[in-house]
Amino acid sequence: MEHPLSLDKIKAGEWATIKKVNAKGRFKKRLIEMGFVENTKIYVQKSAPLNDPVEYVIKGYHVSLRRSEAAQVAVSQGGS
């Protein structure tokens, strides 16, 4: 069985598949509204110069998250 990683561990240029959003409250609701739902593919586009935030592509649009926020999303690596 594959162990989920957190989204902040995926490097730029790699794909992942969302397994679960572990955030709480309004932030969890916001992520789900932006498309962070189970089995959705997500691409890590690039990091800002100081490595935070990170730009992701999900469902055809770009979203930036801080690494601490991305750490609350469980993913499996791959899924291009």
PDB file of N, CA and C in Angstrom:
ATOM      1  N   MET A   1       0.841  -1.190   0.000  1.00  0.00           N
ATOM      2  CA  MET A   1       0.000   0.000   0.000  1.00  0.00           C
ATOM      3  C   MET A   1       0.882   1.248   0.000  1.00  0.00           C
ATOM      4  N   GLU A   2       0.527   2.202  -0.823  1.00  0.00           N
ATOM      5  CA  GLU A   2       1.300   3.437  -0.948  1.00  0.00           C
ATOM      6  C   GLU A   2       0.967   4.381   0.200  1.00  0.00           C
ATOM      7  N   HIS A   3       1.999   4.967   0.798  1.00  0.00           N
ATOM      8  CA  HIS A   3       1.795   5.912   1.891  1.00  0.00           C
ATOM      9  C   HIS A   3       1.638   7.307   1.323  1.00  0.00           C
ATOM     10  N   PRO A   4       0.580   8.019   1.717  1.00  0.00           N
ATOM     11  CA  PRO A   4       0.397   9.373   1.191  1.00  0.00           C
ATOM     12  C   PRO A   4       1.504  10.315   1.658  1.00  0.00           C
ATOM     13  N   LEU A   5       1.857  11.219   0.805  1.00  0.00           N
ATOM     14  CA  LEU A   5       2.789  12.300   1.111  1.00  0.00           C
ATOM     15  C   LEU A   5       1.969  13.557   1.308  1.00  0.00           C
ATOM     16  N   SER A   6       2.603  14.609   1.781  1.00  0.00           N
ATOM     17  CA  SER A   6       1.906  15.890   1.787  1.00  0.00           C
ATOM     18  C   SER A   6       2.337  16.661   0.537  1.00  0.00           C
ATOM     19  N   LEU A   7       1.443  17.505   0.047  1.00  0.00           N
ATOM     20  CA  LEU A   7       1.665  18.228  -1.203  1.00  0.00           C
ATOM     21  C   LEU A   7       2.935  19.066  -1.177  1.00  0.00           C
ATOM     22  N   ASP A   8       3.332  19.562  -0.017  1.00  0.00           N
ATOM     23  CA  ASP A   8       4.540  20.392   0.067  1.00  0.00           C
ATOM     24  C   ASP A   8       5.817  19.606  -0.233  1.00  0.00           C
ATOM     25  N   LYS A   9       5.761  18.278  -0.238  1.00  0.00           N
ATOM     26  CA  LYS A   9       6.932  17.437  -0.517  1.00  0.00           C
ATOM     27  C   LYS A   9       7.128  17.161  -2.014  1.00  0.00           C
ATOM     28  N   ILE A  10       6.148  17.503  -2.841  1.00  0.00           N
ATOM     29  CA  ILE A  10       6.234  17.266  -4.283  1.00  0.00           C
ATOM     30  C   ILE A  10       7.026  18.411  -4.918  1.00  0.00           C
ATOM     31  N   LYS A  11       7.956  18.069  -5.773  1.00  0.00           N
ATOM     32  CA  LYS A  11       8.855  19.058  -6.378  1.00  0.00           C
ATOM     33  C   LYS A  11       8.241  19.686  -7.631  1.00  0.00           C
ATOM     34  N   ALA A  12       8.754  20.854  -7.992  1.00  0.00           N
ATOM     35  CA  ALA A  12       8.319  21.541  -9.211  1.00  0.00           C
ATOM     36  C   ALA A  12       8.534  20.639 -10.413  1.00  0.00           C
ATOM     37  N   GLY A  13       7.557  20.621 -11.310  1.00  0.00           N
ATOM     38  CA  GLY A  13       7.632  19.794 -12.507  1.00  0.00           C
ATOM     39  C   GLY A  13       7.052  18.404 -12.320  1.00  0.00           C
ATOM     40  N   GLU A  14       6.529  18.101 -11.140  1.00  0.00           N
ATOM     41  CA  GLU A  14       5.969  16.778 -10.870  1.00  0.00           C
ATOM     42  C   GLU A  14       4.457  16.849 -10.695  1.00  0.00           C
ATOM     43  N   TRP A  15       3.815  15.713 -10.946  1.00  0.00           N
ATOM     44  CA  TRP A  15       2.374  15.554 -10.772  1.00  0.00           C
ATOM     45  C   TRP A  15       2.093  14.790  -9.494  1.00  0.00           C
ATOM     46  N   ALA A  16       0.909  15.017  -8.943  1.00  0.00           N
ATOM     47  CA  ALA A  16       0.430  14.255  -7.786  1.00  0.00           C
ATOM     48  C   ALA A  16      -1.083  14.098  -7.914  1.00  0.00           C
ATOM     49  N   THR A  17      -1.631  13.189  -7.133  1.00  0.00           N
ATOM     50  CA  THR A  17      -3.072  12.974  -7.072  1.00  0.00           C
ATOM     51  C   THR A  17      -3.521  13.214  -5.637  1.00  0.00           C
ATOM     52  N   ILE A  18      -4.487  14.076  -5.463  1.00  0.00           N
ATOM     53  CA  ILE A  18      -4.969  14.406  -4.123  1.00  0.00           C
ATOM     54  C   ILE A  18      -5.692  13.207  -3.520  1.00  0.00           C
ATOM     55  N   LYS A  19      -5.350  12.902  -2.284  1.00  0.00           N
ATOM     56  CA  LYS A  19      -5.983  11.801  -1.554  1.00  0.00           C
ATOM     57  C   LYS A  19      -6.921  12.303  -0.469  1.00  0.00           C
ATOM     58  N   LYS A  20      -6.534  13.389   0.220  1.00  0.00           N
ATOM     59  CA  LYS A  20      -7.362  13.892   1.314  1.00  0.00           C
ATOM     60  C   LYS A  20      -6.912  15.288   1.703  1.00  0.00           C
ATOM     61  N   VAL A  21      -7.862  16.130   2.067  1.00  0.00           N
ATOM     62  CA  VAL A  21      -7.549  17.455   2.609  1.00  0.00           C
ATOM     63  C   VAL A  21      -7.658  17.348   4.124  1.00  0.00           C
ATOM     64  N   ASN A  22      -6.535  17.537   4.813  1.00  0.00           N
ATOM     65  CA  ASN A  22      -6.490  17.398   6.269  1.00  0.00           C
ATOM     66  C   ASN A  22      -6.676  18.719   7.000  1.00  0.00           C
ATOM     67  N   ALA A  23      -6.916  19.795   6.276  1.00  0.00           N
ATOM     68  CA  ALA A  23      -7.123  21.108   6.882  1.00  0.00           C
ATOM     69  C   ALA A  23      -8.441  21.106   7.654  1.00  0.00           C
ATOM     70  N   LYS A  24      -8.644  22.146   8.433  1.00  0.00           N
ATOM     71  CA  LYS A  24      -9.862  22.276   9.238  1.00  0.00           C
ATOM     72  C   LYS A  24     -10.584  23.584   8.923  1.00  0.00           C
ATOM     73  N   GLY A  25     -11.860  23.600   9.213  1.00  0.00           N
ATOM     74  CA  GLY A  25     -12.647  24.824   9.172  1.00  0.00           C
ATOM     75  C   GLY A  25     -12.742  25.505   7.824  1.00  0.00           C
ATOM     76  N   ARG A  26     -12.662  26.843   7.860  1.00  0.00           N
ATOM     77  CA  ARG A  26     -12.832  27.641   6.648  1.00  0.00           C
ATOM     78  C   ARG A  26     -11.766  27.365   5.599  1.00  0.00           C
ATOM     79  N   PHE A  27     -10.540  27.091   6.061  1.00  0.00           N
ATOM     80  CA  PHE A  27      -9.469  26.817   5.092  1.00  0.00           C
ATOM     81  C   PHE A  27      -9.757  25.525   4.321  1.00  0.00           C
ATOM     82  N   LYS A  28     -10.249  24.502   5.004  1.00  0.00           N
ATOM     83  CA  LYS A  28     -10.617  23.257   4.320  1.00  0.00           C
ATOM     84  C   LYS A  28     -11.719  23.523   3.299  1.00  0.00           C
ATOM     85  N   LYS A  29     -12.721  24.278   3.700  1.00  0.00           N
ATOM     86  CA  LYS A  29     -13.821  24.600   2.785  1.00  0.00           C
ATOM     87  C   LYS A  29     -13.295  25.351   1.559  1.00  0.00           C
ATOM     88  N   ARG A  30     -12.388  26.298   1.790  1.00  0.00           N
ATOM     89  CA  ARG A  30     -11.827  27.076   0.679  1.00  0.00           C
ATOM     90  C   ARG A  30     -11.062  26.178  -0.297  1.00  0.00           C
ATOM     91  N   LEU A  31     -10.244  25.260   0.247  1.00  0.00           N
ATOM     92  CA  LEU A  31      -9.501  24.344  -0.627  1.00  0.00           C
ATOM     93  C   LEU A  31     -10.444  23.488  -1.455  1.00  0.00           C
ATOM     94  N   ILE A  32     -11.474  22.952  -0.834  1.00  0.00           N
ATOM     95  CA  ILE A  32     -12.428  22.108  -1.554  1.00  0.00           C
ATOM     96  C   ILE A  32     -13.136  22.912  -2.637  1.00  0.00           C
ATOM     97  N   GLU A  33     -13.504  24.139  -2.340  1.00  0.00           N
ATOM     98  CA  GLU A  33     -14.143  25.002  -3.345  1.00  0.00           C
ATOM     99  C   GLU A  33     -13.215  25.288  -4.522  1.00  0.00           C
ATOM    100  N   MET A  34     -11.896  25.283  -4.282  1.00  0.00           N
ATOM    101  CA  MET A  34     -10.926  25.516  -5.357  1.00  0.00           C
ATOM    102  C   MET A  34     -10.615  24.237  -6.130  1.00  0.00           C
ATOM    103  N   GLY A  35     -11.226  23.119  -5.753  1.00  0.00           N
ATOM    104  CA  GLY A  35     -11.039  21.889  -6.503  1.00  0.00           C
ATOM    105  C   GLY A  35     -10.124  20.868  -5.865  1.00  0.00           C
ATOM    106  N   PHE A  36      -9.685  21.101  -4.647  1.00  0.00           N
ATOM    107  CA  PHE A  36      -8.810  20.163  -3.949  1.00  0.00           C
ATOM    108  C   PHE A  36      -9.661  19.032  -3.368  1.00  0.00           C
ATOM    109  N   VAL A  37     -10.065  18.110  -4.246  1.00  0.00           N
ATOM    110  CA  VAL A  37     -10.898  16.985  -3.835  1.00  0.00           C
ATOM    111  C   VAL A  37     -10.210  15.675  -4.219  1.00  0.00           C
ATOM    112  N   GLU A  38     -10.622  14.609  -3.571  1.00  0.00           N
ATOM    113  CA  GLU A  38     -10.005  13.294  -3.761  1.00  0.00           C
ATOM    114  C   GLU A  38      -9.943  12.907  -5.240  1.00  0.00           C
ATOM    115  N   ASN A  39      -8.821  12.325  -5.623  1.00  0.00           N
ATOM    116  CA  ASN A  39      -8.530  11.818  -6.970  1.00  0.00           C
ATOM    117  C   ASN A  39      -8.347  12.894  -8.037  1.00  0.00           C
ATOM    118  N   THR A  40      -8.179  14.140  -7.624  1.00  0.00           N
ATOM    119  CA  THR A  40      -7.901  15.215  -8.576  1.00  0.00           C
ATOM    120  C   THR A  40      -6.398  15.296  -8.805  1.00  0.00           C
ATOM    121  N   LYS A  41      -6.002  15.443 -10.060  1.00  0.00           N
ATOM    122  CA  LYS A  41      -4.592  15.575 -10.421  1.00  0.00           C
ATOM    123  C   LYS A  41      -4.151  17.016 -10.186  1.00  0.00           C
ATOM    124  N   ILE A  42      -2.921  17.175  -9.698  1.00  0.00           N
ATOM    125  CA  ILE A  42      -2.370  18.504  -9.442  1.00  0.00           C
ATOM    126  C   ILE A  42      -0.917  18.528  -9.889  1.00  0.00           C
ATOM    127  N   TYR A  43      -0.532  19.620 -10.534  1.00  0.00           N
ATOM    128  CA  TYR A  43       0.821  19.779 -11.060  1.00  0.00           C
ATOM    129  C   TYR A  43       1.526  20.880 -10.279  1.00  0.00           C
ATOM    130  N   VAL A  44       2.759  20.618  -9.889  1.00  0.00           N
ATOM    131  CA  VAL A  44       3.555  21.621  -9.176  1.00  0.00           C
ATOM    132  C   VAL A  44       4.296  22.439 -10.230  1.00  0.00           C
ATOM    133  N   GLN A  45       3.853  23.685 -10.426  1.00  0.00           N
ATOM    134  CA  GLN A  45       4.395  24.544 -11.484  1.00  0.00           C
ATOM    135  C   GLN A  45       5.767  25.092 -11.111  1.00  0.00           C
ATOM    136  N   LYS A  46       5.836  25.849 -10.007  1.00  0.00           N
ATOM    137  CA  LYS A  46       7.111  26.468  -9.623  1.00  0.00           C
ATOM    138  C   LYS A  46       7.026  27.031  -8.213  1.00  0.00           C
ATOM    139  N   SER A  47       8.198  27.303  -7.648  1.00  0.00           N
ATOM    140  CA  SER A  47       8.301  27.938  -6.326  1.00  0.00           C
ATOM    141  C   SER A  47       8.719  29.387  -6.488  1.00  0.00           C
ATOM    142  N   ALA A  48       8.323  30.190  -5.537  1.00  0.00           N
ATOM    143  CA  ALA A  48       8.787  31.582  -5.496  1.00  0.00           C
ATOM    144  C   ALA A  48      10.282  31.581  -5.161  1.00  0.00           C
ATOM    145  N   PRO A  49      10.977  32.703  -5.371  1.00  0.00           N
ATOM    146  CA  PRO A  49      12.426  32.745  -5.136  1.00  0.00           C
ATOM    147  C   PRO A  49      12.887  32.235  -3.768  1.00  0.00           C
ATOM    148  N   LEU A  50      12.134  32.475  -2.719  1.00  0.00           N
ATOM    149  CA  LEU A  50      12.529  31.984  -1.397  1.00  0.00           C
ATOM    150  C   LEU A  50      11.830  30.678  -1.038  1.00  0.00           C
ATOM    151  N   ASN A  51      11.330  29.975  -2.055  1.00  0.00           N
ATOM    152  CA  ASN A  51      10.696  28.667  -1.902  1.00  0.00           C
ATOM    153  C   ASN A  51       9.297  28.703  -1.301  1.00  0.00           C
ATOM    154  N   ASP A  52       8.729  29.877  -1.125  1.00  0.00           N
ATOM    155  CA  ASP A  52       7.392  29.977  -0.549  1.00  0.00           C
ATOM    156  C   ASP A  52       6.756  31.257  -1.054  1.00  0.00           C
ATOM    157  N   PRO A  53       5.587  31.278  -1.648  1.00  0.00           N
ATOM    158  CA  PRO A  53       4.686  30.155  -1.853  1.00  0.00           C
ATOM    159  C   PRO A  53       5.061  29.326  -3.079  1.00  0.00           C
ATOM    160  N   VAL A  54       4.243  28.307  -3.328  1.00  0.00           N
ATOM    161  CA  VAL A  54       4.430  27.418  -4.473  1.00  0.00           C
ATOM    162  C   VAL A  54       3.204  27.540  -5.364  1.00  0.00           C
ATOM    163  N   GLU A  55       3.432  27.569  -6.680  1.00  0.00           N
ATOM    164  CA  GLU A  55       2.335  27.665  -7.639  1.00  0.00           C
ATOM    165  C   GLU A  55       1.959  26.272  -8.127  1.00  0.00           C
ATOM    166  N   TYR A  56       0.666  25.971  -8.070  1.00  0.00           N
ATOM    167  CA  TYR A  56       0.133  24.683  -8.505  1.00  0.00           C
ATOM    168  C   TYR A  56      -0.859  24.907  -9.633  1.00  0.00           C
ATOM    169  N   VAL A  57      -1.031  23.884 -10.481  1.00  0.00           N
ATOM    170  CA  VAL A  57      -2.061  23.908 -11.510  1.00  0.00           C
ATOM    171  C   VAL A  57      -3.035  22.791 -11.176  1.00  0.00           C
ATOM    172  N   ILE A  58      -4.292  23.151 -10.980  1.00  0.00           N
ATOM    173  CA  ILE A  58      -5.329  22.185 -10.639  1.00  0.00           C
ATOM    174  C   ILE A  58      -6.580  22.529 -11.441  1.00  0.00           C
ATOM    175  N   LYS A  59      -7.104  21.542 -12.137  1.00  0.00           N
ATOM    176  CA  LYS A  59      -8.316  21.725 -12.955  1.00  0.00           C
ATOM    177  C   LYS A  59      -8.168  22.897 -13.925  1.00  0.00           C
ATOM    178  N   GLY A  60      -6.958  23.080 -14.462  1.00  0.00           N
ATOM    179  CA  GLY A  60      -6.728  24.090 -15.488  1.00  0.00           C
ATOM    180  C   GLY A  60      -6.462  25.497 -15.000  1.00  0.00           C
ATOM    181  N   TYR A  61      -6.436  25.723 -13.700  1.00  0.00           N
ATOM    182  CA  TYR A  61      -6.112  27.068 -13.242  1.00  0.00           C
ATOM    183  C   TYR A  61      -4.964  27.028 -12.237  1.00  0.00           C
ATOM    184  N   HIS A  62      -4.348  28.180 -12.034  1.00  0.00           N
ATOM    185  CA  HIS A  62      -3.170  28.295 -11.182  1.00  0.00           C
ATOM    186  C   HIS A  62      -3.572  28.804  -9.801  1.00  0.00           C
ATOM    187  N   VAL A  63      -2.989  28.189  -8.777  1.00  0.00           N
ATOM    188  CA  VAL A  63      -3.234  28.610  -7.404  1.00  0.00           C
ATOM    189  C   VAL A  63      -1.912  28.552  -6.647  1.00  0.00           C
ATOM    190  N   SER A  64      -1.675  29.533  -5.808  1.00  0.00           N
ATOM    191  CA  SER A  64      -0.458  29.549  -4.993  1.00  0.00           C
ATOM    192  C   SER A  64      -0.819  29.265  -3.543  1.00  0.00           C
ATOM    193  N   LEU A  65      -0.043  28.384  -2.930  1.00  0.00           N
ATOM    194  CA  LEU A  65      -0.224  28.049  -1.516  1.00  0.00           C
ATOM    195  C   LEU A  65       1.107  28.160  -0.802  1.00  0.00           C
ATOM    196  N   ARG A  66       1.054  28.563   0.442  1.00  0.00           N
ATOM    197  CA  ARG A  66       2.257  28.496   1.273  1.00  0.00           C
ATOM    198  C   ARG A  66       2.569  27.025   1.509  1.00  0.00           C
ATOM    199  N   ARG A  67       3.828  26.729   1.778  1.00  0.00           N
ATOM    200  CA  ARG A  67       4.195  25.331   2.051  1.00  0.00           C
ATOM    201  C   ARG A  67       3.451  24.793   3.268  1.00  0.00           C
ATOM    202  N   SER A  68       3.238  25.630   4.278  1.00  0.00           N
ATOM    203  CA  SER A  68       2.515  25.185   5.473  1.00  0.00           C
ATOM    204  C   SER A  68       1.067  24.820   5.146  1.00  0.00           C
ATOM    205  N   GLU A  69       0.485  25.496   4.163  1.00  0.00           N
ATOM    206  CA  GLU A  69      -0.874  25.163   3.723  1.00  0.00           C
ATOM    207  C   GLU A  69      -0.876  23.878   2.903  1.00  0.00           C
ATOM    208  N   ALA A  70       0.093  23.761   1.991  1.00  0.00           N
ATOM    209  CA  ALA A  70       0.187  22.567   1.149  1.00  0.00           C
ATOM    210  C   ALA A  70       0.450  21.314   1.980  1.00  0.00           C
ATOM    211  N   ALA A  71       1.072  21.477   3.133  1.00  0.00           N
ATOM    212  CA  ALA A  71       1.356  20.339   4.012  1.00  0.00           C
ATOM    213  C   ALA A  71       0.072  19.697   4.535  1.00  0.00           C
ATOM    214  N   GLN A  72      -1.051  20.391   4.432  1.00  0.00           N
ATOM    215  CA  GLN A  72      -2.331  19.881   4.921  1.00  0.00           C
ATOM    216  C   GLN A  72      -3.108  19.099   3.862  1.00  0.00           C
ATOM    217  N   VAL A  73      -2.471  18.866   2.706  1.00  0.00           N
ATOM    218  CA  VAL A  73      -3.113  18.108   1.627  1.00  0.00           C
ATOM    219  C   VAL A  73      -2.317  16.825   1.408  1.00  0.00           C
ATOM    220  N   ALA A  74      -2.965  15.682   1.630  1.00  0.00           N
ATOM    221  CA  ALA A  74      -2.324  14.376   1.416  1.00  0.00           C
ATOM    222  C   ALA A  74      -2.455  13.997  -0.052  1.00  0.00           C
ATOM    223  N   VAL A  75      -1.338  13.540  -0.643  1.00  0.00           N
ATOM    224  CA  VAL A  75      -1.312  13.184  -2.061  1.00  0.00           C
ATOM    225  C   VAL A  75      -0.539  11.891  -2.277  1.00  0.00           C
ATOM    226  N   SER A  76      -0.736  11.318  -3.444  1.00  0.00           N
ATOM    227  CA  SER A  76       0.154  10.255  -3.899  1.00  0.00           C
ATOM    228  C   SER A  76       0.915  10.817  -5.085  1.00  0.00           C
ATOM    229  N   GLN A  77       2.160  10.445  -5.233  1.00  0.00           N
ATOM    230  CA  GLN A  77       2.996  10.993  -6.294  1.00  0.00           C
ATOM    231  C   GLN A  77       2.616  10.380  -7.624  1.00  0.00           C
ATOM    232  N   GLY A  78       2.736  11.176  -8.677  1.00  0.00           N
ATOM    233  CA  GLY A  78       2.416  10.726 -10.022  1.00  0.00           C
ATOM    234  C   GLY A  78       0.997  11.084 -10.398  1.00  0.00           C
ATOM    235  N   GLY A  79       0.612  10.692 -11.600  1.00  0.00           N
ATOM    236  CA  GLY A  79      -0.745  10.923 -12.029  1.00  0.00           C
ATOM    237  C   GLY A  79      -0.887  11.906 -13.172  1.00  0.00           C
ATOM    238  N   SER A  80       0.154  12.007 -13.999  1.00  0.00           N
ATOM    239  CA  SER A  80       0.111  12.985 -15.110  1.00  0.00           C
ATOM    240  C   SER A  80      -1.033  12.742 -16.048  1.00  0.00           C
TER     241      SER A  80
END
